[in-house]
Protein backbone atom coordinates (compact mmCIF):
# COMPACT_ATOMS: atom_id res chain seq x y z
CA MET A 1 0.00 0.00 0.00
CA HIS A 2 1.35 3.41 -0.89
CA ILE A 3 0.49 7.12 -1.14
CA GLN A 4 1.50 9.35 -4.03
CA PHE A 5 1.62 13.08 -3.30
CA SER A 6 0.09 14.50 -6.46
CA GLY A 7 -0.34 18.13 -5.42
CA ALA A 8 0.02 20.62 -2.55
CA SER A 9 3.52 19.33 -1.86
CA ARG A 10 5.73 22.16 -0.62
CA GLU A 11 3.07 24.57 -1.83
CA VAL A 12 -0.42 25.54 -0.71
CA THR A 13 -2.61 24.79 -3.72
CA GLY A 14 -3.40 21.77 -5.90
CA SER A 15 -4.31 19.30 -3.13
CA CYS A 16 -4.37 15.76 -4.53
CA TYR A 17 -3.32 12.48 -2.89
CA LEU A 18 -3.50 8.99 -4.37
CA LEU A 19 -3.91 6.13 -1.89
CA ASP A 20 -3.30 2.80 -3.64
CA THR A 21 -4.39 0.01 -1.31
CA GLY A 22 -3.61 -2.75 -3.79
CA ILE A 23 -7.35 -3.33 -4.13
CA LYS A 24 -8.66 0.21 -4.66
CA LYS A 25 -7.08 3.35 -6.03
CA ILE A 26 -8.52 6.15 -3.90
CA LEU A 27 -7.96 9.80 -4.77
CA VAL A 28 -8.38 12.30 -1.93
CA ASP A 29 -9.13 15.76 -3.38
CA CYS A 30 -8.18 16.94 -6.86
CA GLY A 31 -7.60 20.67 -6.61
CA MET A 32 -6.53 23.43 -8.92
CA PHE A 33 -3.08 24.99 -8.66
CA GLN A 34 -3.38 28.73 -8.13
CA GLY A 35 -0.75 31.36 -8.79
CA SER A 36 -0.27 34.48 -10.83
CA ASP A 37 -3.06 33.42 -13.20
CA PHE A 38 -6.42 32.07 -12.12
CA ASN A 39 -5.93 28.98 -14.29
CA GLU A 40 -2.29 28.20 -13.61
CA GLY A 41 -0.41 26.56 -16.49
CA LYS A 42 0.46 23.33 -14.69
CA ASN A 43 -3.23 22.55 -14.22
CA HIS A 44 -3.09 21.45 -17.86
CA ASP A 45 -0.26 18.97 -17.28
CA ASN A 46 -1.07 15.28 -17.30
CA PHE A 47 -1.92 13.82 -13.91
CA PRO A 48 0.91 11.73 -12.44
CA PHE A 49 -1.49 8.76 -12.60
CA GLU A 50 -4.07 7.40 -15.04
CA ALA A 51 -7.43 9.08 -14.40
CA LYS A 52 -9.37 6.09 -15.74
CA GLU A 53 -7.67 3.79 -13.19
CA ILE A 54 -8.95 5.76 -10.18
CA ASP A 55 -11.78 3.86 -8.48
CA VAL A 56 -13.18 6.56 -6.21
CA VAL A 57 -12.60 10.21 -5.22
CA LEU A 58 -13.04 11.41 -1.64
CA VAL A 59 -13.41 15.19 -1.22
CA THR A 60 -12.61 17.14 1.94
CA HIS A 61 -14.25 20.46 1.01
CA ALA A 62 -15.32 22.74 -1.82
CA HIS A 63 -12.46 25.20 -2.14
CA LEU A 64 -11.08 25.42 -5.66
CA ASP A 65 -7.62 24.22 -4.63
CA HIS A 66 -9.22 20.97 -3.43
CA ILE A 67 -11.84 20.29 -6.14
CA GLY A 68 -10.87 22.45 -9.14
CA ARG A 69 -9.43 19.68 -11.34
CA ILE A 70 -12.18 17.10 -10.79
CA PRO A 71 -13.90 18.05 -14.09
CA LYS A 72 -10.51 17.61 -15.79
CA LEU A 73 -10.19 14.21 -14.09
CA VAL A 74 -13.56 13.28 -15.63
CA LYS A 75 -12.47 14.68 -18.98
CA ASP A 76 -9.37 12.47 -18.80
CA GLY A 77 -11.39 9.29 -18.22
CA PHE A 78 -12.48 8.97 -14.58
CA THR A 79 -15.90 7.31 -14.26
CA GLY A 80 -16.07 6.28 -10.59
CA LYS A 81 -18.01 7.74 -7.68
CA ILE A 82 -17.16 10.99 -5.89
CA PHE A 83 -18.05 11.27 -2.20
CA MET A 84 -18.30 14.43 -0.08
CA THR A 85 -20.62 16.00 2.48
CA LYS A 86 -24.04 17.08 1.22
CA ALA A 87 -23.27 20.80 1.44
CA THR A 88 -19.93 20.28 -0.33
CA ALA A 89 -21.74 18.47 -3.16
CA GLU A 90 -23.89 21.56 -3.76
CA LEU A 91 -21.07 24.05 -3.34
CA ALA A 92 -18.75 22.10 -5.66
CA VAL A 93 -21.04 22.63 -8.63
CA LEU A 94 -21.14 26.38 -7.93
CA ILE A 95 -17.34 26.47 -7.72
CA TRP A 96 -16.88 24.56 -10.98
CA ASN A 97 -19.31 26.75 -12.89
CA ASP A 98 -17.79 29.92 -11.48
CA ALA A 99 -14.30 28.70 -12.43
CA TYR A 100 -15.53 27.94 -15.93
CA ASN A 101 -17.00 31.44 -16.24
CA VAL A 102 -13.72 33.03 -15.13
CA MET A 103 -11.74 30.83 -17.51
CA THR A 104 -13.96 31.61 -20.50
CA TYR A 105 -13.74 35.34 -19.71
CA ASP A 106 -9.94 35.10 -19.52
CA HIS A 107 -9.90 33.07 -22.73
CA GLU A 108 -12.01 35.57 -24.66
CA LYS A 109 -10.16 38.62 -23.35
CA PHE A 110 -6.57 37.38 -23.00
CA GLY A 111 -6.43 34.08 -24.89
CA TYR A 112 -5.77 31.95 -21.79
CA PRO A 113 -6.62 28.24 -22.13
CA VAL A 114 -9.74 26.69 -20.58
CA LEU A 115 -9.23 23.62 -18.39
CA PHE A 116 -12.66 21.98 -18.81
CA ASP A 117 -16.13 22.72 -20.18
CA THR A 118 -19.76 22.51 -19.06
CA THR A 119 -20.07 18.91 -20.28
CA ASP A 120 -17.24 17.88 -17.96
CA ILE A 121 -18.91 19.74 -15.08
CA ALA A 122 -22.25 18.02 -15.71
CA GLN A 123 -20.56 14.61 -15.82
CA ALA A 124 -18.65 15.35 -12.60
CA GLN A 125 -21.88 16.43 -10.91
CA SER A 126 -23.58 13.18 -11.92
CA LEU A 127 -20.86 11.21 -10.13
CA CYS A 128 -21.16 13.13 -6.83
CA HIS A 129 -22.77 11.59 -3.76
CA GLY A 130 -23.45 13.52 -0.57
CA ILE A 131 -22.82 11.81 2.77
CA ASP A 132 -23.26 12.69 6.45
CA TYR A 133 -20.57 13.42 9.01
CA THR A 134 -19.31 10.58 11.24
CA ILE A 135 -21.14 7.77 9.40
CA PRO A 136 -18.62 5.28 7.95
CA LEU A 137 -18.79 4.59 4.23
CA GLU A 138 -17.78 1.15 2.98
CA LEU A 139 -15.59 1.40 -0.11
CA ALA A 140 -14.66 -2.29 -0.38
CA ASP A 141 -14.10 -5.28 1.89
CA GLY A 142 -11.90 -4.04 4.70
CA ILE A 143 -11.81 -0.47 3.36
CA SER A 144 -13.96 2.35 4.76
CA ALA A 145 -13.92 6.12 5.12
CA VAL A 146 -15.50 8.57 7.53
CA TRP A 147 -15.87 12.35 7.23
CA LYS A 148 -15.48 14.51 10.35
CA ASP A 149 -16.13 18.23 10.69
CA ALA A 150 -12.94 20.23 10.04
CA GLY A 151 -14.46 23.59 11.00
CA HIS A 152 -12.78 25.19 7.97
CA ILE A 153 -15.60 26.13 5.60
CA PHE A 154 -19.24 25.09 5.34
CA GLY A 155 -19.40 21.32 4.85
CA SER A 156 -15.63 20.87 5.24
CA ALA A 157 -14.19 17.65 6.60
CA PHE A 158 -11.07 15.74 7.35
CA ILE A 159 -11.30 12.13 6.22
CA GLU A 160 -10.15 9.00 8.01
CA VAL A 161 -9.63 6.01 5.72
CA THR A 162 -9.32 2.57 7.28
CA VAL A 163 -7.62 -0.16 5.25
CA ASN A 164 -7.87 -3.44 7.16
CA ASN A 165 -6.14 -2.54 10.44
CA THR A 166 -4.43 0.67 9.29
CA LYS A 167 -6.10 4.06 9.72
CA ILE A 168 -4.92 7.00 7.60
CA GLY A 169 -6.02 10.60 8.17
CA PHE A 170 -6.31 13.25 5.45
CA SER A 171 -6.65 16.65 7.10
CA GLY A 172 -7.94 18.64 4.14
CA ASP A 173 -7.86 22.11 5.67
CA ILE A 174 -8.32 22.49 9.41
CA GLY A 175 -10.25 25.52 10.61
CA ASN A 176 -9.26 28.37 12.87
CA LYS A 177 -10.45 28.55 16.46
CA ASP A 178 -13.92 29.91 17.30
CA VAL A 179 -14.91 30.54 13.69
CA PRO A 180 -18.37 32.13 13.37
CA ILE A 181 -21.23 29.97 12.05
CA LEU A 182 -19.20 26.75 11.98
CA LYS A 183 -18.80 24.12 14.65
CA ASP A 184 -15.37 23.52 16.15
CA THR A 185 -12.97 21.06 14.53
CA GLN A 186 -13.68 17.51 15.64
CA SER A 187 -10.94 15.36 17.15
CA LEU A 188 -9.01 12.73 15.27
CA SER A 189 -9.51 9.10 16.18
CA ASP A 190 -6.59 6.68 16.53
CA VAL A 191 -4.97 7.32 13.12
CA GLU A 192 -1.50 5.91 12.49
CA ILE A 193 -0.63 7.91 9.37
CA LEU A 194 -1.63 11.56 8.96
CA LEU A 195 -1.38 13.87 5.96
CA CYS A 196 -1.54 17.23 7.71
CA GLU A 197 -1.99 20.66 6.18
CA SER A 198 0.62 23.25 7.19
CA THR A 199 -0.61 26.50 5.63
CA TYR A 200 0.20 28.47 8.77
CA GLY A 201 2.70 26.03 10.21
CA ASN A 202 5.05 28.87 11.06
CA ARG A 203 2.49 31.47 12.15
CA ILE A 204 0.40 32.35 15.19
CA HIS A 205 -2.79 34.27 14.43
CA GLU A 206 -3.96 37.32 16.30
CA ASP A 207 -6.19 36.67 19.29
CA ILE A 208 -9.57 35.64 17.93
CA ASP A 209 -11.30 37.83 20.53
CA THR A 210 -9.98 40.90 18.75
CA ARG A 211 -11.55 39.97 15.41
CA ARG A 212 -14.61 42.19 15.58
CA SER A 213 -12.76 45.17 17.04
CA ALA A 214 -10.03 44.83 14.40
CA ILE A 215 -12.62 44.83 11.61
CA LEU A 216 -14.39 47.82 13.10
CA LYS A 217 -11.15 49.78 13.44
CA LEU A 218 -10.20 49.21 9.79
CA VAL A 219 -13.70 50.12 8.57
CA GLN A 220 -13.69 53.28 10.68
CA GLU A 221 -10.25 54.29 9.39
CA GLY A 222 -11.25 53.59 5.80
CA THR A 223 -14.48 55.54 6.23
CA GLN A 224 -12.62 58.55 7.62
CA LYS A 225 -10.37 58.58 4.56
CA GLY A 226 -13.44 58.71 2.34
CA GLY A 227 -12.24 56.14 -0.19
CA THR A 228 -13.18 52.57 -1.09
CA ILE A 229 -12.53 49.67 1.26
CA MET A 230 -11.74 46.65 -0.94
CA VAL A 231 -12.13 43.20 0.60
CA PRO A 232 -10.95 40.37 -1.67
CA ALA A 233 -12.79 37.49 -0.05
CA PHE A 234 -13.03 33.79 -0.76
CA SER A 235 -16.62 33.17 -1.73
CA LEU A 236 -16.93 30.19 0.59
CA GLU A 237 -16.73 30.94 4.31
CA ARG A 238 -14.56 34.06 4.40
CA THR A 239 -17.31 36.12 2.83
CA GLN A 240 -20.01 34.63 5.05
CA GLU A 241 -17.84 34.99 8.14
CA PHE A 242 -17.15 38.61 7.27
CA LEU A 243 -20.86 39.31 6.71
CA TYR A 244 -21.62 37.67 10.05
CA GLU A 245 -19.24 40.03 11.83
CA LEU A 246 -20.55 43.07 9.94
CA ASN A 247 -24.09 42.03 10.88
CA LYS A 248 -23.11 42.02 14.55
CA LEU A 249 -21.44 45.42 14.28
CA SER A 250 -24.39 46.86 12.40
CA GLU A 251 -27.45 45.43 14.14
CA TYR A 252 -26.24 44.66 17.65
CA ASP A 253 -23.26 46.88 18.47
CA LYS A 254 -24.66 49.71 16.30
CA SER A 255 -21.04 50.79 15.77
CA LEU A 256 -20.55 50.10 12.08
CA PRO A 257 -20.14 53.32 10.04
CA LYS A 258 -23.21 53.95 7.90
CA ILE A 259 -21.55 53.38 4.54
CA PRO A 260 -22.87 51.34 1.60
CA ILE A 261 -21.45 47.82 1.56
CA PHE A 262 -21.56 45.88 -1.71
CA LEU A 263 -21.39 42.11 -1.97
CA ASP A 264 -20.03 41.91 -5.51
CA SER A 265 -19.60 38.17 -5.97
CA PRO A 266 -22.18 35.99 -7.73
CA LEU A 267 -20.50 32.89 -6.31
CA ALA A 268 -20.65 34.16 -2.72
CA ILE A 269 -24.30 35.15 -3.22
CA ASP A 270 -25.18 31.67 -4.52
CA ALA A 271 -23.10 29.96 -1.81
CA THR A 272 -24.94 31.88 0.91
CA LYS A 273 -28.16 30.19 -0.24
CA VAL A 274 -26.56 26.80 0.44
CA TYR A 275 -25.67 27.95 3.96
CA LYS A 276 -29.33 28.58 4.63
CA LYS A 277 -30.30 25.04 3.55
CA TYR A 278 -28.20 23.27 6.19
CA PRO A 279 -28.74 24.89 9.61
CA GLU A 280 -27.70 21.60 11.22
CA TYR A 281 -24.11 22.55 10.32
CA TYR A 282 -24.31 25.76 12.41
CA ASP A 283 -22.61 26.23 15.76
CA ASP A 284 -24.69 26.99 18.87
CA GLU A 285 -24.67 30.78 18.45
CA ALA A 286 -25.68 30.65 14.79
CA GLN A 287 -28.33 28.06 15.62
CA LYS A 288 -29.89 30.38 18.18
CA LEU A 289 -29.95 33.29 15.74
CA HIS A 290 -31.45 31.06 13.07
CA LEU A 291 -34.20 29.81 15.37
CA THR A 292 -35.18 33.38 16.27
CA GLY A 293 -35.51 34.25 12.58
CA ASP A 294 -32.38 36.41 12.43
CA ASP A 295 -30.75 36.34 9.00
CA PHE A 296 -27.21 36.78 10.28
CA LEU A 297 -25.81 37.12 6.75
CA ASP A 298 -27.80 40.26 5.93
CA PHE A 299 -28.18 43.79 7.31
CA PHE A 300 -29.63 47.05 6.06
CA GLN A 301 -26.39 48.50 4.62
CA LEU A 302 -25.67 45.45 2.49
CA GLN A 303 -26.36 45.73 -1.23
CA ILE A 304 -26.22 42.67 -3.50
CA THR A 305 -24.71 43.18 -6.97
CA TYR A 306 -25.20 39.93 -8.84
CA THR A 307 -25.06 40.98 -12.49
CA ARG A 308 -22.20 42.74 -14.25
CA GLN A 309 -24.45 45.72 -14.83
CA GLU A 310 -25.16 46.00 -11.10
CA SER A 311 -21.45 45.62 -10.39
CA MET A 312 -20.55 48.45 -12.76
CA LYS A 313 -22.95 50.78 -10.95
CA ILE A 314 -20.75 50.53 -7.82
CA ASN A 315 -18.37 52.93 -9.56
CA GLN A 316 -21.11 55.58 -9.57
CA THR A 317 -21.44 55.46 -5.78
CA PRO A 318 -19.13 58.01 -4.15
CA GLY A 319 -16.95 57.02 -1.21
CA PRO A 320 -16.72 56.07 1.47
CA LYS A 321 -17.95 52.58 0.59
CA MET A 322 -16.94 48.93 0.94
CA VAL A 323 -16.75 46.32 -1.81
CA ILE A 324 -16.50 42.61 -0.96
CA ALA A 325 -15.56 40.68 -4.10
CA GLY A 326 -13.79 37.54 -5.26
CA ALA A 327 -11.37 36.11 -5.93
CA GLY A 328 -9.79 35.90 -2.50
CA MET A 329 -6.20 35.79 -3.79
CA MET A 330 -6.89 38.51 -6.40
CA ASN A 331 -5.92 36.17 -9.25
CA GLY A 332 -9.24 36.56 -11.06
CA GLY A 333 -12.82 37.71 -10.61
CA ARG A 334 -14.44 41.09 -10.03
CA ILE A 335 -11.99 42.24 -7.37
CA LEU A 336 -9.50 42.94 -10.18
CA HIS A 337 -11.79 45.56 -11.73
CA HIS A 338 -11.97 47.37 -8.40
CA ALA A 339 -8.22 46.98 -7.94
CA ILE A 340 -7.57 48.73 -11.25
CA ARG A 341 -9.74 51.61 -10.14
CA TYR A 342 -8.78 52.01 -6.49
CA LEU A 343 -5.29 50.60 -5.74
CA SER A 344 -3.74 53.92 -6.78
CA ASP A 345 -6.09 55.93 -4.53
CA PRO A 346 -4.34 56.99 -1.29
CA ASN A 347 -7.76 57.34 0.36
CA SER A 348 -8.71 53.73 -0.32
CA THR A 349 -7.94 50.60 1.70
CA LEU A 350 -7.25 46.98 0.75
CA MET A 351 -8.27 44.65 3.58
CA ILE A 352 -6.71 41.19 3.18
CA VAL A 353 -8.65 38.59 5.13
CA GLY A 354 -7.32 35.25 3.84
CA TYR A 355 -4.23 33.33 2.78
CA GLN A 356 -2.46 34.67 -0.31
CA ALA A 357 -0.60 31.99 -2.26
CA GLU A 358 2.86 32.66 -3.64
CA GLY A 359 2.73 34.29 -7.08
CA THR A 360 -0.73 35.83 -6.68
CA LEU A 361 -1.50 39.54 -6.88
CA GLY A 362 -2.82 39.38 -3.32
CA ARG A 363 0.51 38.02 -2.13
CA ARG A 364 2.49 40.75 -3.89
CA LEU A 365 0.30 43.45 -2.35
CA TYR A 366 0.49 41.78 1.07
CA GLU A 367 4.29 41.85 0.81
CA GLY A 368 4.28 45.55 0.02
CA ALA A 369 4.53 45.84 -3.76
CA LYS A 370 4.43 49.47 -4.85
CA ARG A 371 3.65 48.79 -8.50
CA VAL A 372 1.60 45.91 -9.92
CA ASN A 373 0.18 44.76 -13.24
CA VAL A 374 -3.54 44.05 -13.33
CA HIS A 375 -5.03 42.85 -16.62
CA GLY A 376 -2.23 44.61 -18.52
CA ASN A 377 -2.54 47.85 -16.55
CA GLU A 378 0.53 49.07 -14.67
CA ILE A 379 -0.74 50.53 -11.40
CA ASP A 380 1.11 52.41 -8.68
CA VAL A 381 -0.12 51.26 -5.28
CA HIS A 382 -0.96 54.16 -2.99
CA CYS A 383 -3.86 52.70 -1.01
CA THR A 384 -3.46 51.38 2.53
CA VAL A 385 -2.95 47.59 2.69
CA LYS A 386 -3.92 45.78 5.90
CA ALA A 387 -4.14 42.07 6.74
CA LEU A 388 -6.22 40.33 9.41
CA GLY A 389 -4.86 36.93 10.48
CA ALA A 390 -7.71 36.45 12.93
CA LEU A 391 -10.05 36.07 9.96
CA SER A 392 -8.09 33.17 8.49
CA ALA A 393 -10.07 29.98 7.91
CA HIS A 394 -6.93 27.92 8.61
CA GLY A 395 -5.69 26.92 12.03
CA ASP A 396 -2.37 28.42 13.04
CA GLN A 397 0.66 26.53 14.34
CA LYS A 398 -0.74 26.30 17.87
CA LYS A 399 -4.10 24.95 16.69
CA MET A 400 -2.47 22.36 14.42
CA LEU A 401 -0.13 21.14 17.15
CA GLU A 402 -3.02 20.76 19.57
CA TRP A 403 -5.08 18.87 16.98
CA VAL A 404 -2.25 16.48 16.10
CA GLY A 405 -1.35 16.07 19.77
CA THR A 406 -4.69 14.51 20.65
CA VAL A 407 -3.58 11.28 18.87
CA LYS A 408 0.12 11.35 19.65
CA ASP A 409 -0.05 7.87 21.15
CA SER A 410 -1.33 6.20 17.97
CA LEU A 411 0.46 8.31 15.35
CA LYS A 412 3.49 6.78 13.68
CA GLU A 413 4.10 9.17 10.78
CA VAL A 414 2.98 12.67 9.80
CA TYR A 415 3.38 14.11 6.30
CA CYS A 416 3.15 17.91 6.27
CA THR A 417 1.48 19.05 3.06
CA HIS A 418 -0.46 22.08 1.78
CA GLY A 419 2.16 24.55 2.99
CA GLU A 420 5.06 26.49 1.55
CA PRO A 421 8.44 24.87 2.35
CA VAL A 422 9.27 27.07 5.36
CA ALA A 423 5.83 26.63 6.96
CA ALA A 424 5.64 22.89 6.28
CA THR A 425 9.16 22.28 7.55
CA GLU A 426 8.65 24.26 10.75
CA LEU A 427 5.41 22.46 11.59
CA ALA A 428 7.09 19.12 10.90
CA HIS A 429 9.92 20.00 13.30
CA ARG A 430 7.47 21.16 15.95
CA ILE A 431 5.46 17.93 15.74
CA LYS A 432 8.63 15.85 15.95
CA ASP A 433 10.06 17.86 18.85
CA ASN A 434 6.80 17.98 20.83
CA TYR A 435 5.61 14.43 20.34
CA GLY A 436 8.53 12.38 19.04
CA ILE A 437 6.62 11.40 15.90
CA LYS A 438 8.37 10.81 12.56
CA THR A 439 7.59 13.71 10.24
CA TYR A 440 8.19 14.34 6.55
CA VAL A 441 7.70 17.14 4.01
CA PRO A 442 7.06 15.22 0.77
CA GLU A 443 7.99 16.29 -2.73
CA TYR A 444 5.54 16.52 -5.64
CA THR A 445 4.82 13.03 -7.11
CA GLU A 446 6.80 11.34 -4.31
CA ILE A 447 5.53 7.86 -3.46
CA VAL A 448 5.79 6.46 0.07
CA GLU A 449 5.02 2.96 1.27
CA ILE A 450 2.82 2.71 4.36
């Protein structure tokens, strides 16, 4: 039995792991690589395995870097079943269609290639099966899988696969502490092998208790400047989490400045509808609000701009104002149109609320770039750029160590994936030093026997 690391090895995107049990070839996630372009060139490379030989795909959650190449997998010959939580099954289709729309726009405007088409998406959708948390799924004699709540985004899970007497954990992405709306990350059971994400393996987030006050401070400062507050937000979870906090500041604290706030992301708008279908996924606080009839993802200042025409009208609204738009790493989507208009404005603010992968525009701005190219436009950056780690959907080093530590007695090996080399290596060292467990930072396409 072996595992091949087919993505997210020494980098944060492209999650894809092949578990070959000798009886079944099981693929866990099949995500898109993300970098300077929305549709990164290596997404078009051949998979390091034969798609038609894969028996089943297990999906941790609906972020593009975990599901984005599944339609390509289908295009290349995969015909098996795809299992994920029920909410993830609905969100995945939204993500695929949104990705296709972005790719076709980029193809028509800039000549970039398209990774898959609507036929591939429809075929992928037909293969999807929604399952419930904590209920084991039999994949073959002696082989089963169970999904447990990762607390990362809506419907997210880490997956424990049991092959005869060996239990292997696939972390997917593990959520931050005390994330609004979502339940806390569940505990691992007695896994022996763990593939563990390490996105923030070398970072400690700000105190989560300061989240709301930090948001309020940045909104107040941006309002005083009179410009546009740009929030490039991932359409799944970060946007909903941000709306949740703005709702609290607006309707309960009454402290939110009375500025127009635009949700300028069709994907986020559609995803929010899925949130409302599965209240059983909510944490206790969100459950209470739901039961009292409080729509915690809406408030009077919020304006929905679904169509391109509605989006274009945002430009006619004078500042101060806020625009929440995708994509979260600023490598595509409507946020780029606002970036072209407002990055050079010293009165405007860019509020970064999620991880920015290496090579993305968001990453360059986060690191202090003073001049950037957006859709062929050279732009001098004069706006204020601020980042909020407390809004990350990923657990930090402390959270990951605590999560791994709960099964230190059964763990034999940990493979740190889904992290840049420095972050993955530091988390690996910390796990080894704290718990005496063998740790590795695998290379892309590396195969290990287990």
